[in-house]
Each structure stands twice: as C-alpha cells, then as structure tokens.
Amino acid sequence: MSIIIRGETDLAIESLEKVLAKYEHEHPSSEIELYRRSNVSIHTRIVDPDFKGISLSDRHDTLWRMFEELPEETQSEISVILLLTPEEKKKSFASVEFDDPVPLGI
C-alpha cells in the first residue's frame, strides 16, 4: 500500500513521506496518511494492526526515533500524529477530524 498525501505537497511533506516509507516497508499492513493542515502544521495518521498491545507512548517513541532524521523545522511542523489500530480508528474522535477536517478560519 502506498502513503496517501492529501492536498498540496512540499519539501517537508516529501521528507516525512520518505521517513514513513521505511515504516511502511517494515509494516506492510499499515495505512499511512499525511496532510498539511496549515503552513506550520502537518497531520499524520498511521493505522496499523501491529499496534495492538503496544502502549500509545511506545508507539510514539518508535515513530519519533524515526523522525529524528528529519530537519528540526520539519519535526516542529508535525502537530498531530495518530497511531491507531484499525479498531481504535473507528472510535477515535481525532481520526474523524482527520477524515473530515473542519476548514481553518471557522
């Protein structure tokens, strides 16, 4: 499966996509989505059955270790990172916002 990028892409999104491609290679059942929410905010969602039984903090630690290779400016733009199992995706309010984002300025 490929990484889904919603909306416009830029250097930060492309850099993040390259890092996440490594995760996707190691976790072929994962679904990875990115979108730029604003000029200073990138939202990331990874839905992966391999997260089952892993604490949220351990999930985040794993991903942030990968993000360390990104420039600090790009890291600072990652404002939302959802790391969910498929079951959690169905219940997550933040995931619903990811699927149908409220337009900025409202």
Protein backbone atom coordinates (compact mmCIF):
# COMPACT_ATOMS: atom_id res chain seq x y z
CA MET A 1 0.00 0.00 0.00
CA SER A 2 1.26 3.49 -0.67
CA ILE A 3 1.36 6.53 1.56
CA ILE A 4 -1.60 8.81 0.93
CA ILE A 5 -0.88 12.53 0.79
CA ARG A 6 -3.93 14.75 0.89
CA GLY A 7 -3.73 18.16 -0.70
CA GLU A 8 -0.61 20.03 -1.66
CA THR A 9 2.85 18.60 -1.14
CA ASP A 10 6.03 20.45 -0.25
CA LEU A 11 9.56 19.71 0.89
CA ALA A 12 8.53 18.95 4.49
CA ILE A 13 5.75 16.57 3.38
CA GLU A 14 8.12 14.85 0.94
CA SER A 15 10.78 14.45 3.66
CA LEU A 16 8.23 12.99 6.05
CA GLU A 17 6.95 10.67 3.33
CA LYS A 18 10.47 9.28 2.79
CA VAL A 19 10.90 8.54 6.50
CA LEU A 20 7.45 6.95 6.73
CA ALA A 21 8.17 4.80 3.68
CA LYS A 22 10.68 2.96 5.86
CA TYR A 23 7.97 2.33 8.45
CA GLU A 24 5.60 1.17 5.74
CA HIS A 25 8.21 -1.24 4.40
CA GLU A 26 8.54 -2.82 7.86
CA HIS A 27 4.75 -2.78 8.41
CA PRO A 28 3.10 -3.62 5.06
CA SER A 29 -0.38 -3.82 6.64
CA SER A 30 -0.19 -0.20 7.78
CA GLU A 31 -2.16 2.65 6.24
CA ILE A 32 -0.32 5.97 6.32
CA GLU A 33 -1.84 9.35 5.53
CA LEU A 34 -0.41 12.86 5.62
CA TYR A 35 -1.81 16.29 5.02
CA ARG A 36 -0.72 19.83 5.57
CA ARG A 37 -3.30 21.46 7.82
CA SER A 38 -1.71 24.91 7.57
CA ASN A 39 1.62 26.43 6.64
CA VAL A 40 3.01 25.33 10.06
CA SER A 41 1.03 22.16 10.73
CA ILE A 42 1.25 18.63 9.32
CA HIS A 43 -1.19 15.93 10.39
CA THR A 44 -0.13 12.29 10.23
CA ARG A 45 -2.21 9.17 10.77
CA ILE A 46 -0.91 5.62 10.81
CA VAL A 47 -3.40 2.80 11.18
CA ASP A 48 -1.55 -0.42 11.83
CA PRO A 49 -2.80 -3.72 13.26
CA ASP A 50 0.75 -4.21 14.60
CA PHE A 51 0.00 -1.51 17.22
CA LYS A 52 -2.30 -3.92 19.06
CA GLY A 53 -0.98 -4.47 22.58
CA ILE A 54 1.54 -1.62 22.33
CA SER A 55 1.05 1.43 24.56
CA LEU A 56 0.48 4.83 22.99
CA SER A 57 3.74 6.14 24.44
CA ASP A 58 5.71 3.22 22.98
CA ARG A 59 4.06 3.78 19.58
CA HIS A 60 5.04 7.44 19.68
CA ASP A 61 8.59 6.67 20.83
CA THR A 62 9.05 4.36 17.85
CA LEU A 63 7.91 6.97 15.35
CA TRP A 64 9.74 9.90 16.91
CA ARG A 65 13.00 7.93 16.76
CA MET A 66 12.43 7.71 13.01
CA PHE A 67 11.55 11.41 12.80
CA GLU A 68 14.89 12.35 14.37
CA GLU A 69 16.49 12.17 10.93
CA LEU A 70 14.19 14.96 9.72
CA PRO A 71 15.27 18.60 9.94
CA GLU A 72 14.13 20.25 13.20
CA GLU A 73 11.92 22.63 11.23
CA THR A 74 10.03 19.70 9.69
CA GLN A 75 9.77 17.95 13.06
CA SER A 76 8.26 21.09 14.57
CA GLU A 77 5.54 21.12 11.91
CA ILE A 78 4.21 17.67 12.89
CA SER A 79 1.33 18.84 15.06
CA VAL A 80 -0.90 15.75 15.01
CA ILE A 81 0.25 12.16 14.89
CA LEU A 82 -2.38 9.48 15.27
CA LEU A 83 -1.08 5.95 15.78
CA LEU A 84 -4.07 3.65 15.85
CA THR A 85 -5.11 0.06 15.38
CA PRO A 86 -7.99 -0.44 12.90
CA GLU A 87 -10.36 -0.91 15.86
CA GLU A 88 -9.18 2.31 17.52
CA LYS A 89 -9.63 4.22 14.27
CA LYS A 90 -13.37 3.52 14.39
CA LYS A 91 -13.65 5.07 17.88
CA SER A 92 -11.18 7.94 17.67
CA PHE A 93 -12.61 11.46 17.61
CA ALA A 94 -9.29 12.76 16.27
CA SER A 95 -9.46 10.22 13.46
CA VAL A 96 -12.90 11.52 12.48
CA GLU A 97 -11.44 15.03 12.32
CA PHE A 98 -8.68 13.62 10.11
CA ASP A 99 -11.24 12.14 7.70
CA ASP A 100 -13.37 15.29 7.54
CA PRO A 101 -11.29 18.27 8.72
CA VAL A 102 -13.02 21.42 9.82
CA PRO A 103 -11.89 24.23 7.50
CA LEU A 104 -9.48 26.71 9.04
CA GLY A 105 -10.92 30.08 9.96
CA ILE A 106 -14.22 28.78 11.32
